[in-house]
Amino acid sequence: MSAKVALQLNAAVGLTSTVAAGALMSMVMQNPAAVAEAIARHEYQEVAMAVAHQLAGWLHALLRFV
């Protein structure tokens, strides 16, 4: 693997994790009780689906302006 490919992969992983963390923090700020209850019940699929829904909402809002 060349250095250029490694740097591009690193950037993609970093950007993806930053966006996912931002979506999770947004959910925690909007509805902290629901997120805390889902994590306490070990229902991580519910949290992941909520993050995906949040990201889809952001993408929809972004594409509305294009």
N, C-alpha and C. Protein backbone atom coordinates (compact mmCIF):
# COMPACT_ATOMS: atom_id res chain seq x y z
N MET A 1 0.85 -1.17 0.00
CA MET A 1 0.00 0.00 0.00
C MET A 1 0.90 1.23 0.00
N SER A 2 0.62 2.13 -0.90
CA SER A 2 1.45 3.32 -0.98
C SER A 2 1.06 4.31 0.11
N ALA A 3 1.94 5.26 0.33
CA ALA A 3 1.69 6.26 1.37
C ALA A 3 0.48 7.11 1.03
N LYS A 4 0.27 7.40 -0.24
CA LYS A 4 -0.86 8.23 -0.65
C LYS A 4 -2.18 7.53 -0.36
N VAL A 5 -2.26 6.23 -0.66
CA VAL A 5 -3.48 5.47 -0.40
C VAL A 5 -3.72 5.36 1.11
N ALA A 6 -2.66 5.16 1.87
CA ALA A 6 -2.79 5.06 3.32
C ALA A 6 -3.31 6.37 3.90
N LEU A 7 -2.82 7.50 3.42
CA LEU A 7 -3.29 8.80 3.91
C LEU A 7 -4.74 9.05 3.52
N GLN A 8 -5.13 8.65 2.32
CA GLN A 8 -6.52 8.82 1.89
C GLN A 8 -7.45 7.95 2.72
N LEU A 9 -7.04 6.72 3.00
CA LEU A 9 -7.84 5.84 3.83
C LEU A 9 -7.97 6.38 5.25
N ASN A 10 -6.88 6.91 5.77
CA ASN A 10 -6.89 7.50 7.10
C ASN A 10 -7.83 8.70 7.15
N ALA A 11 -7.81 9.52 6.11
CA ALA A 11 -8.70 10.68 6.06
C ALA A 11 -10.16 10.26 5.98
N ALA A 12 -10.45 9.23 5.20
CA ALA A 12 -11.83 8.75 5.06
C ALA A 12 -12.35 8.19 6.38
N VAL A 13 -11.52 7.41 7.06
CA VAL A 13 -11.93 6.85 8.35
C VAL A 13 -12.11 7.97 9.37
N GLY A 14 -11.23 8.93 9.38
CA GLY A 14 -11.34 10.05 10.31
C GLY A 14 -12.59 10.88 10.07
N LEU A 15 -12.90 11.16 8.83
CA LEU A 15 -14.09 11.94 8.50
C LEU A 15 -15.36 11.18 8.87
N THR A 16 -15.39 9.89 8.58
CA THR A 16 -16.56 9.07 8.90
C THR A 16 -16.79 9.01 10.40
N SER A 17 -15.74 8.80 11.16
CA SER A 17 -15.90 8.71 12.61
C SER A 17 -16.29 10.05 13.22
N THR A 18 -15.79 11.14 12.66
CA THR A 18 -16.15 12.46 13.15
C THR A 18 -17.63 12.75 12.90
N VAL A 19 -18.12 12.41 11.72
CA VAL A 19 -19.53 12.64 11.40
C VAL A 19 -20.43 11.77 12.27
N ALA A 20 -20.06 10.51 12.46
CA ALA A 20 -20.85 9.61 13.31
C ALA A 20 -20.86 10.09 14.76
N ALA A 21 -19.73 10.57 15.25
CA ALA A 21 -19.67 11.08 16.62
C ALA A 21 -20.51 12.35 16.75
N GLY A 22 -20.49 13.19 15.74
CA GLY A 22 -21.33 14.39 15.75
C GLY A 22 -22.81 14.05 15.78
N ALA A 23 -23.20 13.04 15.01
CA ALA A 23 -24.60 12.62 15.00
C ALA A 23 -25.01 12.06 16.37
N LEU A 24 -24.14 11.27 16.97
CA LEU A 24 -24.45 10.71 18.28
C LEU A 24 -24.54 11.80 19.34
N MET A 25 -23.64 12.76 19.30
CA MET A 25 -23.70 13.86 20.27
C MET A 25 -24.93 14.72 20.05
N SER A 26 -25.34 14.90 18.80
CA SER A 26 -26.55 15.64 18.51
C SER A 26 -27.76 14.94 19.11
N MET A 27 -27.79 13.61 18.99
CA MET A 27 -28.89 12.85 19.57
C MET A 27 -28.88 12.94 21.09
N VAL A 28 -27.70 12.91 21.69
CA VAL A 28 -27.60 13.00 23.14
C VAL A 28 -28.07 14.37 23.62
N MET A 29 -27.79 15.41 22.87
CA MET A 29 -28.23 16.75 23.25
C MET A 29 -29.74 16.92 23.07
N GLN A 30 -30.32 16.28 22.05
CA GLN A 30 -31.74 16.44 21.78
C GLN A 30 -32.61 15.57 22.67
N ASN A 31 -32.19 14.33 22.92
CA ASN A 31 -33.00 13.40 23.68
C ASN A 31 -32.10 12.50 24.54
N PRO A 32 -31.55 13.04 25.60
CA PRO A 32 -30.57 12.27 26.37
C PRO A 32 -31.17 11.06 27.08
N ALA A 33 -32.40 11.14 27.51
CA ALA A 33 -33.00 10.03 28.25
C ALA A 33 -33.17 8.80 27.36
N ALA A 34 -33.62 8.99 26.13
CA ALA A 34 -33.83 7.86 25.22
C ALA A 34 -32.50 7.19 24.87
N VAL A 35 -31.47 7.98 24.64
CA VAL A 35 -30.16 7.42 24.31
C VAL A 35 -29.60 6.66 25.51
N ALA A 36 -29.71 7.25 26.69
CA ALA A 36 -29.20 6.59 27.89
C ALA A 36 -29.94 5.29 28.18
N GLU A 37 -31.26 5.29 27.99
CA GLU A 37 -32.03 4.07 28.23
C GLU A 37 -31.65 2.97 27.23
N ALA A 38 -31.48 3.33 25.97
CA ALA A 38 -31.12 2.34 24.95
C ALA A 38 -29.74 1.74 25.24
N ILE A 39 -28.81 2.57 25.65
CA ILE A 39 -27.47 2.06 25.96
C ILE A 39 -27.50 1.23 27.24
N ALA A 40 -28.29 1.63 28.22
CA ALA A 40 -28.39 0.87 29.46
C ALA A 40 -29.00 -0.51 29.22
N ARG A 41 -29.91 -0.61 28.26
CA ARG A 41 -30.54 -1.90 27.93
C ARG A 41 -29.70 -2.70 26.94
N HIS A 42 -28.53 -2.17 26.56
CA HIS A 42 -27.62 -2.81 25.61
C HIS A 42 -28.27 -3.02 24.24
N GLU A 43 -29.11 -2.07 23.84
CA GLU A 43 -29.75 -2.12 22.53
C GLU A 43 -28.99 -1.19 21.58
N TYR A 44 -27.82 -1.64 21.19
CA TYR A 44 -26.95 -0.81 20.37
C TYR A 44 -27.47 -0.68 18.94
N GLN A 45 -28.25 -1.66 18.50
CA GLN A 45 -28.82 -1.57 17.15
C GLN A 45 -29.80 -0.40 17.08
N GLU A 46 -30.55 -0.17 18.13
CA GLU A 46 -31.47 0.96 18.18
C GLU A 46 -30.71 2.29 18.09
N VAL A 47 -29.60 2.37 18.80
CA VAL A 47 -28.78 3.58 18.76
C VAL A 47 -28.17 3.76 17.38
N ALA A 48 -27.68 2.68 16.79
CA ALA A 48 -27.09 2.76 15.45
C ALA A 48 -28.12 3.18 14.41
N MET A 49 -29.33 2.66 14.54
CA MET A 49 -30.39 3.04 13.60
C MET A 49 -30.77 4.51 13.78
N ALA A 50 -30.77 4.99 15.01
CA ALA A 50 -31.08 6.40 15.26
C ALA A 50 -29.99 7.30 14.69
N VAL A 51 -28.72 6.87 14.81
CA VAL A 51 -27.61 7.64 14.22
C VAL A 51 -27.75 7.66 12.70
N ALA A 52 -28.08 6.52 12.11
CA ALA A 52 -28.26 6.46 10.66
C ALA A 52 -29.42 7.35 10.22
N HIS A 53 -30.49 7.37 10.99
CA HIS A 53 -31.63 8.24 10.67
C HIS A 53 -31.23 9.71 10.77
N GLN A 54 -30.44 10.03 11.78
CA GLN A 54 -29.97 11.41 11.95
C GLN A 54 -29.09 11.82 10.76
N LEU A 55 -28.18 10.94 10.36
CA LEU A 55 -27.31 11.24 9.21
C LEU A 55 -28.12 11.38 7.93
N ALA A 56 -29.15 10.55 7.76
CA ALA A 56 -30.00 10.65 6.58
C ALA A 56 -30.75 11.98 6.57
N GLY A 57 -31.18 12.41 7.72
CA GLY A 57 -31.83 13.72 7.82
C GLY A 57 -30.90 14.85 7.45
N TRP A 58 -29.65 14.76 7.92
CA TRP A 58 -28.66 15.78 7.56
C TRP A 58 -28.39 15.78 6.07
N LEU A 59 -28.26 14.58 5.49
CA LEU A 59 -28.01 14.47 4.05
C LEU A 59 -29.18 15.02 3.25
N HIS A 60 -30.39 14.74 3.70
CA HIS A 60 -31.58 15.26 3.01
C HIS A 60 -31.61 16.79 3.07
N ALA A 61 -31.31 17.35 4.23
CA ALA A 61 -31.28 18.80 4.36
C ALA A 61 -30.20 19.42 3.49
N LEU A 62 -29.06 18.75 3.40
CA LEU A 62 -27.96 19.25 2.57
C LEU A 62 -28.31 19.19 1.09
N LEU A 63 -28.93 18.10 0.68
CA LEU A 63 -29.28 17.94 -0.74
C LEU A 63 -30.45 18.83 -1.16
N ARG A 64 -31.23 19.29 -0.21
CA ARG A 64 -32.33 20.19 -0.53
C ARG A 64 -31.82 21.50 -1.11
N PHE A 65 -30.62 21.92 -0.68
CA PHE A 65 -30.04 23.17 -1.15
C PHE A 65 -29.31 23.02 -2.48
N VAL A 66 -29.04 21.80 -2.89
CA VAL A 66 -28.29 21.58 -4.14
C VAL A 66 -29.19 21.64 -5.33
